[in-house]
C-alpha atoms as a PDB file:
ATOM      1  CA  MET A   1       0.670  14.843  -5.911  1.00  0.00           C
ATOM      2  CA  THR A   2       1.203  11.130  -6.472  1.00  0.00           C
ATOM      3  CA  MET A   3       2.867   9.355  -3.542  1.00  0.00           C
ATOM      4  CA  PHE A   4       4.784   6.122  -4.021  1.00  0.00           C
ATOM      5  CA  TYR A   5       5.214   4.309  -0.708  1.00  0.00           C
ATOM      6  CA  CYS A   6       7.854   1.618  -1.004  1.00  0.00           C
ATOM      7  CA  TYR A   7      10.464  -0.409   0.856  1.00  0.00           C
ATOM      8  CA  LYS A   8      14.002  -0.109  -0.471  1.00  0.00           C
ATOM      9  CA  ARG A   9      14.749  -3.842  -0.012  1.00  0.00           C
ATOM     10  CA  CYS A  10      11.595  -4.987  -1.834  1.00  0.00           C
ATOM     11  CA  SER A  11      12.133  -6.350  -5.350  1.00  0.00           C
ATOM     12  CA  THR A  12       8.515  -5.645  -6.314  1.00  0.00           C
ATOM     13  CA  CYS A  13       8.941  -2.004  -5.303  1.00  0.00           C
ATOM     14  CA  LYS A  14      12.093  -1.788  -7.417  1.00  0.00           C
ATOM     15  CA  LYS A  15      10.245  -3.211 -10.442  1.00  0.00           C
ATOM     16  CA  ALA A  16       7.384  -0.751  -9.965  1.00  0.00           C
ATOM     17  CA  GLN A  17       9.745   2.177  -9.564  1.00  0.00           C
ATOM     18  CA  LYS A  18      11.627   1.205 -12.735  1.00  0.00           C
ATOM     19  CA  TRP A  19       8.314   0.946 -14.590  1.00  0.00           C
ATOM     20  CA  LEU A  20       7.267   4.402 -13.371  1.00  0.00           C
ATOM     21  CA  ASP A  21      10.600   5.918 -14.354  1.00  0.00           C
ATOM     22  CA  ASP A  22      10.591   4.183 -17.752  1.00  0.00           C
ATOM     23  CA  HIS A  23       7.106   5.595 -18.406  1.00  0.00           C
ATOM     24  CA  GLN A  24       8.031   9.042 -17.055  1.00  0.00           C
ATOM     25  CA  VAL A  25       5.329   9.016 -14.389  1.00  0.00           C
ATOM     26  CA  SER A  26       6.027  11.726 -11.813  1.00  0.00           C
ATOM     27  CA  TYR A  27       5.749  10.786  -8.156  1.00  0.00           C
ATOM     28  CA  GLU A  28       7.207  11.450  -4.763  1.00  0.00           C
ATOM     29  CA  SER A  29       8.718   8.466  -2.976  1.00  0.00           C
ATOM     30  CA  GLN A  30       8.471   7.687   0.735  1.00  0.00           C
ATOM     31  CA  ASP A  31       9.853   4.708   2.648  1.00  0.00           C
ATOM     32  CA  LEU A  32       6.908   2.636   3.830  1.00  0.00           C
ATOM     33  CA  VAL A  33       8.779   1.062   6.738  1.00  0.00           C
ATOM     34  CA  ASP A  34      10.614   4.088   8.132  1.00  0.00           C
ATOM     35  CA  PHE A  35       7.762   6.514   7.475  1.00  0.00           C
ATOM     36  CA  PRO A  36       4.433   4.679   7.114  1.00  0.00           C
ATOM     37  CA  PRO A  37       1.376   6.674   6.045  1.00  0.00           C
ATOM     38  CA  LYS A  38      -0.554   8.418   8.804  1.00  0.00           C
ATOM     39  CA  LYS A  39      -3.518   6.677  10.358  1.00  0.00           C
ATOM     40  CA  ALA A  40      -5.884   9.388   9.104  1.00  0.00           C
ATOM     41  CA  ASP A  41      -4.674   8.916   5.521  1.00  0.00           C
ATOM     42  CA  LEU A  42      -5.057   5.138   5.754  1.00  0.00           C
ATOM     43  CA  ILE A  43      -8.593   5.534   7.110  1.00  0.00           C
ATOM     44  CA  ALA A  44      -9.461   7.907   4.267  1.00  0.00           C
ATOM     45  CA  TRP A  45      -8.071   5.536   1.619  1.00  0.00           C
ATOM     46  CA  MET A  46      -9.660   2.417   3.093  1.00  0.00           C
ATOM     47  CA  THR A  47     -12.980   4.233   3.342  1.00  0.00           C
ATOM     48  CA  LYS A  48     -12.840   5.610  -0.214  1.00  0.00           C
ATOM     49  CA  TYR A  49     -11.829   2.215  -1.630  1.00  0.00           C
ATOM     50  CA  GLN A  50     -13.720  -0.008   0.793  1.00  0.00           C
ATOM     51  CA  ASP A  51     -15.184  -1.948  -2.133  1.00  0.00           C
ATOM     52  CA  ARG A  52     -11.727  -3.567  -2.380  1.00  0.00           C
ATOM     53  CA  GLY A  53     -11.899  -4.780   1.220  1.00  0.00           C
ATOM     54  CA  ILE A  54      -9.447  -4.258   4.051  1.00  0.00           C
ATOM     55  CA  ARG A  55      -7.395  -7.320   3.034  1.00  0.00           C
ATOM     56  CA  TYR A  56      -6.427  -5.499  -0.207  1.00  0.00           C
ATOM     57  CA  PHE A  57      -4.281  -3.105   1.835  1.00  0.00           C
ATOM     58  CA  PHE A  58      -2.472  -5.778   3.865  1.00  0.00           C
ATOM     59  CA  ASN A  59       0.803  -7.452   2.918  1.00  0.00           C
ATOM     60  CA  THR A  60      -0.711 -10.906   3.363  1.00  0.00           C
ATOM     61  CA  SER A  61       2.524 -12.667   2.423  1.00  0.00           C
ATOM     62  CA  GLY A  62       4.650 -10.709   4.899  1.00  0.00           C
ATOM     63  CA  GLN A  63       6.327 -12.122   7.983  1.00  0.00           C
ATOM     64  CA  ASP A  64       4.763  -9.587  10.338  1.00  0.00           C
ATOM     65  CA  TYR A  65       1.286 -10.392   8.996  1.00  0.00           C
ATOM     66  CA  ARG A  66       1.853 -14.088   9.711  1.00  0.00           C
ATOM     67  CA  LYS A  67       3.513 -13.512  13.099  1.00  0.00           C
ATOM     68  CA  LEU A  68       0.552 -11.471  14.276  1.00  0.00           C
ATOM     69  CA  GLY A  69      -1.906 -14.113  13.048  1.00  0.00           C
ATOM     70  CA  LEU A  70      -3.870 -11.574  11.040  1.00  0.00           C
ATOM     71  CA  LYS A  71      -5.200 -14.027   8.451  1.00  0.00           C
ATOM     72  CA  ASP A  72      -8.254 -14.859  10.545  1.00  0.00           C
ATOM     73  CA  ARG A  73      -8.563 -11.446  12.198  1.00  0.00           C
ATOM     74  CA  VAL A  74      -8.608  -9.157   9.144  1.00  0.00           C
ATOM     75  CA  THR A  75     -12.164 -10.036   8.137  1.00  0.00           C
ATOM     76  CA  GLU A  76     -13.443  -8.856  11.524  1.00  0.00           C
ATOM     77  CA  MET A  77     -11.338  -5.693  11.754  1.00  0.00           C
ATOM     78  CA  THR A  78     -12.742  -2.231  11.427  1.00  0.00           C
ATOM     79  CA  ILE A  79     -11.067   0.267   9.115  1.00  0.00           C
ATOM     80  CA  GLU A  80      -9.946   2.148  12.218  1.00  0.00           C
ATOM     81  CA  GLU A  81      -8.256  -0.935  13.721  1.00  0.00           C
ATOM     82  CA  ALA A  82      -6.542  -1.843  10.450  1.00  0.00           C
ATOM     83  CA  ALA A  83      -5.311   1.722   9.920  1.00  0.00           C
ATOM     84  CA  GLU A  84      -3.941   1.864  13.475  1.00  0.00           C
ATOM     85  CA  MET A  85      -1.912  -1.316  12.936  1.00  0.00           C
ATOM     86  CA  MET A  86      -0.597  -0.234   9.533  1.00  0.00           C
ATOM     87  CA  ALA A  87       0.337   3.258  10.708  1.00  0.00           C
ATOM     88  CA  GLN A  88       2.463   1.680  13.445  1.00  0.00           C
ATOM     89  CA  ASN A  89       4.012  -1.025  11.245  1.00  0.00           C
ATOM     90  CA  GLY A  90       4.538  -0.192   7.573  1.00  0.00           C
ATOM     91  CA  LYS A  91       5.553  -3.783   6.813  1.00  0.00           C
ATOM     92  CA  LEU A  92       1.877  -4.715   7.199  1.00  0.00           C
ATOM     93  CA  ILE A  93       0.955  -2.604   4.152  1.00  0.00           C
ATOM     94  CA  LYS A  94       0.942  -4.230   0.727  1.00  0.00           C
ATOM     95  CA  ARG A  95       3.675  -2.624  -1.277  1.00  0.00           C
ATOM     96  CA  PRO A  96       4.217  -0.616  -3.211  1.00  0.00           C
ATOM     97  CA  LEU A  97       1.316   1.617  -2.303  1.00  0.00           C
ATOM     98  CA  MET A  98       0.724   4.371  -4.837  1.00  0.00           C
ATOM     99  CA  VAL A  99      -1.911   7.011  -4.304  1.00  0.00           C
ATOM    100  CA  ASN A 100      -3.095  10.418  -5.410  1.00  0.00           C
ATOM    101  CA  GLU A 101      -6.417  12.265  -5.171  1.00  0.00           C
ATOM    102  CA  HIS A 102      -7.897  10.188  -8.019  1.00  0.00           C
ATOM    103  CA  ALA A 103      -6.513   6.662  -7.667  1.00  0.00           C
ATOM    104  CA  LEU A 104      -4.861   4.107  -5.404  1.00  0.00           C
ATOM    105  CA  THR A 105      -3.042   0.837  -6.085  1.00  0.00           C
ATOM    106  CA  CYS A 106      -1.426  -1.686  -3.762  1.00  0.00           C
ATOM    107  CA  GLY A 107       1.145  -4.066  -5.168  1.00  0.00           C
ATOM    108  CA  PHE A 108       2.532  -3.987  -8.678  1.00  0.00           C
ATOM    109  CA  LYS A 109       0.986  -5.451 -11.786  1.00  0.00           C
ATOM    110  CA  GLU A 110       2.069  -3.835 -15.005  1.00  0.00           C
ATOM    111  CA  GLU A 111      -1.394  -3.905 -16.598  1.00  0.00           C
ATOM    112  CA  ILE A 112      -2.932  -2.203 -13.548  1.00  0.00           C
ATOM    113  CA  TYR A 113      -0.217   0.457 -13.480  1.00  0.00           C
ATOM    114  CA  GLN A 114      -0.726   0.980 -17.240  1.00  0.00           C
ATOM    115  CA  ALA A 115      -4.466   1.494 -16.765  1.00  0.00           C
ATOM    116  CA  THR A 116      -4.187   3.576 -13.591  1.00  0.00           C
ATOM    117  CA  TRP A 117      -1.049   5.703 -13.793  1.00  0.00           C
ATOM    118  CA  LEU A 118      -0.656   6.552 -17.494  1.00  0.00           C
END
């Protein structure tokens, strides 16, 4: 099953969702802020895609990211520490997050969605 983690007030999430619907991509949607992914899932994804780096998963332009001063801390974080923070605060996760057993994307770029989800 393909999960689409999004935030209802995020314009990027709305664009991605419209793209998915326009291209008839099936997915299940879950609010990233109210119901963030579980720590164990985040650890599994960050481990499987660790070539992308931990920063890939963080919403580096978000207010919470800046408030917590994570810019300088992320490079020293373990996957476990990053997953713990994200599981407790979904606003720290780059959105939308889309994942299934074969692929994972953070953020929305049409060409990446085209290559990954079609």
